[in-house]
Amino acid sequence: MHSAPPPEDVRLDVWLWAARFFRTRSLAKQAVETGKVDVAGQRAKASRAIRVGDALQVVRGEETFELVVRGLSEVRGPAPVAQALYEESEASKARREQQRLQRAAMRDGYRAPEHKPDKRARRLIRALGDIDAL
């Protein structure tokens, strides 16, 4: 059997899916179309050809990744293979870690209720809600 030569370029949405930034190719395409992915600082289309060395900025949820493409693949493989397809900048890693710590610090003061509110508590909640409406 002959193995296919590595591709010179790959569609942006396919590469994002293969690099495991999005669970499905349609989610990757939707992210590109809504402007959450920039290639070399410019908004791109899902069909844009990605080459090794291209700089990407990917926004996924509350996280922003700044990447350089190091490999191309049209097939979704295991996570270690997918992580070899890109290199994230140190500044991007540090910024994401800082944001993660901030989100964790904001959650520290919150404690979820142990049970559903009873009838009296629901009335109080509703009363407080009416105050805000005025």
C-alpha atoms as a PDB file:
ATOM      1  CA  MET A   1       0.000   0.000   0.000  1.00  0.00           C
ATOM      2  CA  HIS A   2       1.105   3.481  -0.750  1.00  0.00           C
ATOM      3  CA  SER A   3       0.723   6.160   1.852  1.00  0.00           C
ATOM      4  CA  ALA A   4      -0.568   9.477   0.622  1.00  0.00           C
ATOM      5  CA  PRO A   5       1.917  12.337   0.643  1.00  0.00           C
ATOM      6  CA  PRO A   6       1.258  14.982   3.283  1.00  0.00           C
ATOM      7  CA  PRO A   7      -0.987  17.764   1.970  1.00  0.00           C
ATOM      8  CA  GLU A   8       0.480  21.183   1.179  1.00  0.00           C
ATOM      9  CA  ASP A   9      -2.599  22.944   2.468  1.00  0.00           C
ATOM     10  CA  VAL A  10      -5.807  22.057   4.317  1.00  0.00           C
ATOM     11  CA  ARG A  11      -9.131  23.831   4.705  1.00  0.00           C
ATOM     12  CA  LEU A  12      -9.260  25.948   7.864  1.00  0.00           C
ATOM     13  CA  ASP A  13     -12.391  24.282   9.269  1.00  0.00           C
ATOM     14  CA  VAL A  14     -10.967  20.799   8.644  1.00  0.00           C
ATOM     15  CA  TRP A  15      -7.663  21.702  10.330  1.00  0.00           C
ATOM     16  CA  LEU A  16      -9.436  23.163  13.392  1.00  0.00           C
ATOM     17  CA  TRP A  17     -11.456  19.945  13.682  1.00  0.00           C
ATOM     18  CA  ALA A  18      -8.383  17.727  13.201  1.00  0.00           C
ATOM     19  CA  ALA A  19      -6.415  19.773  15.780  1.00  0.00           C
ATOM     20  CA  ARG A  20      -9.287  19.175  18.239  1.00  0.00           C
ATOM     21  CA  PHE A  21     -10.258  22.790  18.818  1.00  0.00           C
ATOM     22  CA  PHE A  22     -13.857  21.949  17.955  1.00  0.00           C
ATOM     23  CA  ARG A  23     -15.770  18.708  18.387  1.00  0.00           C
ATOM     24  CA  THR A  24     -17.288  18.697  14.904  1.00  0.00           C
ATOM     25  CA  ARG A  25     -16.350  20.213  11.583  1.00  0.00           C
ATOM     26  CA  SER A  26     -19.658  22.093  11.467  1.00  0.00           C
ATOM     27  CA  LEU A  27     -18.844  23.754  14.833  1.00  0.00           C
ATOM     28  CA  ALA A  28     -15.436  24.720  13.440  1.00  0.00           C
ATOM     29  CA  LYS A  29     -17.079  26.170  10.334  1.00  0.00           C
ATOM     30  CA  GLN A  30     -19.576  28.100  12.465  1.00  0.00           C
ATOM     31  CA  ALA A  31     -16.759  29.534  14.608  1.00  0.00           C
ATOM     32  CA  VAL A  32     -14.902  30.704  11.503  1.00  0.00           C
ATOM     33  CA  GLU A  33     -18.052  32.267  10.023  1.00  0.00           C
ATOM     34  CA  THR A  34     -18.854  34.142  13.260  1.00  0.00           C
ATOM     35  CA  GLY A  35     -15.365  35.687  13.386  1.00  0.00           C
ATOM     36  CA  LYS A  36     -13.895  33.643  16.229  1.00  0.00           C
ATOM     37  CA  VAL A  37     -10.903  32.571  14.105  1.00  0.00           C
ATOM     38  CA  ASP A  38      -8.363  34.944  12.552  1.00  0.00           C
ATOM     39  CA  VAL A  39      -5.575  33.955  10.179  1.00  0.00           C
ATOM     40  CA  ALA A  40      -2.596  36.326  10.236  1.00  0.00           C
ATOM     41  CA  GLY A  41      -4.757  38.961  11.931  1.00  0.00           C
ATOM     42  CA  GLN A  42      -7.487  38.848   9.278  1.00  0.00           C
ATOM     43  CA  ARG A  43     -10.918  37.279   9.350  1.00  0.00           C
ATOM     44  CA  ALA A  44     -11.006  34.148   7.211  1.00  0.00           C
ATOM     45  CA  LYS A  45     -13.503  31.906   5.469  1.00  0.00           C
ATOM     46  CA  ALA A  46     -13.914  28.246   6.399  1.00  0.00           C
ATOM     47  CA  SER A  47     -12.588  27.197   3.004  1.00  0.00           C
ATOM     48  CA  ARG A  48      -9.343  29.147   3.366  1.00  0.00           C
ATOM     49  CA  ALA A  49      -6.246  27.037   2.785  1.00  0.00           C
ATOM     50  CA  ILE A  50      -3.979  26.763   5.826  1.00  0.00           C
ATOM     51  CA  ARG A  51      -0.266  26.121   5.387  1.00  0.00           C
ATOM     52  CA  VAL A  52       2.538  25.304   7.809  1.00  0.00           C
ATOM     53  CA  GLY A  53       3.750  28.508   9.467  1.00  0.00           C
ATOM     54  CA  ASP A  54       0.420  30.367   9.382  1.00  0.00           C
ATOM     55  CA  ALA A  55      -0.463  32.307  12.547  1.00  0.00           C
ATOM     56  CA  LEU A  56      -3.972  31.763  13.946  1.00  0.00           C
ATOM     57  CA  GLN A  57      -5.990  33.304  16.733  1.00  0.00           C
ATOM     58  CA  VAL A  58      -8.813  31.038  17.917  1.00  0.00           C
ATOM     59  CA  VAL A  59     -11.466  32.124  20.430  1.00  0.00           C
ATOM     60  CA  ARG A  60     -13.199  29.178  22.084  1.00  0.00           C
ATOM     61  CA  GLY A  61     -15.575  30.027  24.899  1.00  0.00           C
ATOM     62  CA  GLU A  62     -13.715  32.351  27.254  1.00  0.00           C
ATOM     63  CA  GLU A  63     -10.273  31.238  26.048  1.00  0.00           C
ATOM     64  CA  THR A  64      -8.165  32.785  23.288  1.00  0.00           C
ATOM     65  CA  PHE A  65      -5.411  30.752  21.663  1.00  0.00           C
ATOM     66  CA  GLU A  66      -2.568  32.291  19.635  1.00  0.00           C
ATOM     67  CA  LEU A  67      -1.101  29.543  17.488  1.00  0.00           C
ATOM     68  CA  VAL A  68       1.389  28.802  14.761  1.00  0.00           C
ATOM     69  CA  VAL A  69       0.549  25.895  12.449  1.00  0.00           C
ATOM     70  CA  ARG A  70       3.299  23.234  12.682  1.00  0.00           C
ATOM     71  CA  GLY A  71       1.613  20.370  10.838  1.00  0.00           C
ATOM     72  CA  LEU A  72      -1.314  19.621   8.561  1.00  0.00           C
ATOM     73  CA  SER A  73      -3.884  16.878   8.799  1.00  0.00           C
ATOM     74  CA  GLU A  74      -7.257  16.177   7.254  1.00  0.00           C
ATOM     75  CA  VAL A  75      -7.937  13.352   9.704  1.00  0.00           C
ATOM     76  CA  ARG A  76      -8.881  13.673  13.363  1.00  0.00           C
ATOM     77  CA  GLY A  77      -6.476  11.588  15.416  1.00  0.00           C
ATOM     78  CA  PRO A  78      -5.592  11.136  19.076  1.00  0.00           C
ATOM     79  CA  ALA A  79      -4.925  14.193  21.245  1.00  0.00           C
ATOM     80  CA  PRO A  80      -1.090  13.892  21.254  1.00  0.00           C
ATOM     81  CA  VAL A  81      -1.080  13.831  17.438  1.00  0.00           C
ATOM     82  CA  ALA A  82      -3.490  16.791  17.320  1.00  0.00           C
ATOM     83  CA  GLN A  83      -1.316  18.819  19.723  1.00  0.00           C
ATOM     84  CA  ALA A  84       1.674  18.280  17.425  1.00  0.00           C
ATOM     85  CA  LEU A  85      -0.176  20.150  14.648  1.00  0.00           C
ATOM     86  CA  TYR A  86       0.279  23.538  16.339  1.00  0.00           C
ATOM     87  CA  GLU A  87       2.448  25.495  18.727  1.00  0.00           C
ATOM     88  CA  GLU A  88       0.899  27.922  21.166  1.00  0.00           C
ATOM     89  CA  SER A  89       2.820  31.066  22.099  1.00  0.00           C
ATOM     90  CA  GLU A  90       4.075  31.417  25.679  1.00  0.00           C
ATOM     91  CA  ALA A  91       2.195  34.717  26.073  1.00  0.00           C
ATOM     92  CA  SER A  92      -1.041  32.996  25.061  1.00  0.00           C
ATOM     93  CA  LYS A  93      -0.484  30.168  27.558  1.00  0.00           C
ATOM     94  CA  ALA A  94       0.275  32.632  30.361  1.00  0.00           C
ATOM     95  CA  ARG A  95      -2.787  34.768  29.553  1.00  0.00           C
ATOM     96  CA  ARG A  96      -5.100  31.725  29.480  1.00  0.00           C
ATOM     97  CA  GLU A  97      -3.702  30.487  32.797  1.00  0.00           C
ATOM     98  CA  GLN A  98      -4.205  33.943  34.359  1.00  0.00           C
ATOM     99  CA  GLN A  99      -7.809  34.050  33.114  1.00  0.00           C
ATOM    100  CA  ARG A 100      -8.436  30.548  34.465  1.00  0.00           C
ATOM    101  CA  LEU A 101      -7.136  31.593  37.888  1.00  0.00           C
ATOM    102  CA  GLN A 102      -9.353  34.696  37.858  1.00  0.00           C
ATOM    103  CA  ARG A 103     -12.442  32.626  37.012  1.00  0.00           C
ATOM    104  CA  ALA A 104     -11.580  30.181  39.807  1.00  0.00           C
ATOM    105  CA  ALA A 105     -11.150  33.055  42.284  1.00  0.00           C
ATOM    106  CA  MET A 106     -14.538  34.486  41.308  1.00  0.00           C
ATOM    107  CA  ARG A 107     -16.183  31.104  41.941  1.00  0.00           C
ATOM    108  CA  ASP A 108     -14.628  30.656  45.391  1.00  0.00           C
ATOM    109  CA  GLY A 109     -17.200  32.819  47.186  1.00  0.00           C
ATOM    110  CA  TYR A 110     -20.201  31.108  45.598  1.00  0.00           C
ATOM    111  CA  ARG A 111     -21.774  28.061  47.196  1.00  0.00           C
ATOM    112  CA  ALA A 112     -24.602  26.289  45.430  1.00  0.00           C
ATOM    113  CA  PRO A 113     -27.709  25.673  47.546  1.00  0.00           C
ATOM    114  CA  GLU A 114     -27.917  22.243  49.106  1.00  0.00           C
ATOM    115  CA  HIS A 115     -31.558  21.743  48.105  1.00  0.00           C
ATOM    116  CA  LYS A 116     -34.367  23.354  46.154  1.00  0.00           C
ATOM    117  CA  PRO A 117     -36.004  26.375  47.797  1.00  0.00           C
ATOM    118  CA  ASP A 118     -39.212  25.631  49.693  1.00  0.00           C
ATOM    119  CA  LYS A 119     -42.464  27.543  49.298  1.00  0.00           C
ATOM    120  CA  ARG A 120     -41.464  30.306  51.716  1.00  0.00           C
ATOM    121  CA  ALA A 121     -38.046  30.770  50.090  1.00  0.00           C
ATOM    122  CA  ARG A 122     -39.620  30.912  46.607  1.00  0.00           C
ATOM    123  CA  ARG A 123     -41.952  33.686  47.817  1.00  0.00           C
ATOM    124  CA  LEU A 124     -38.972  35.631  49.144  1.00  0.00           C
ATOM    125  CA  ILE A 125     -37.104  35.159  45.866  1.00  0.00           C
ATOM    126  CA  ARG A 126     -40.138  36.323  43.928  1.00  0.00           C
ATOM    127  CA  ALA A 127     -40.520  39.345  46.235  1.00  0.00           C
ATOM    128  CA  LEU A 128     -36.902  40.332  45.706  1.00  0.00           C
ATOM    129  CA  GLY A 129     -37.359  39.978  41.978  1.00  0.00           C
ATOM    130  CA  ASP A 130     -40.377  42.342  42.133  1.00  0.00           C
ATOM    131  CA  ILE A 131     -38.245  44.965  43.897  1.00  0.00           C
ATOM    132  CA  ASP A 132     -35.764  44.916  41.023  1.00  0.00           C
ATOM    133  CA  ALA A 133     -38.586  45.326  38.492  1.00  0.00           C
ATOM    134  CA  LEU A 134     -39.765  48.618  39.993  1.00  0.00           C
END
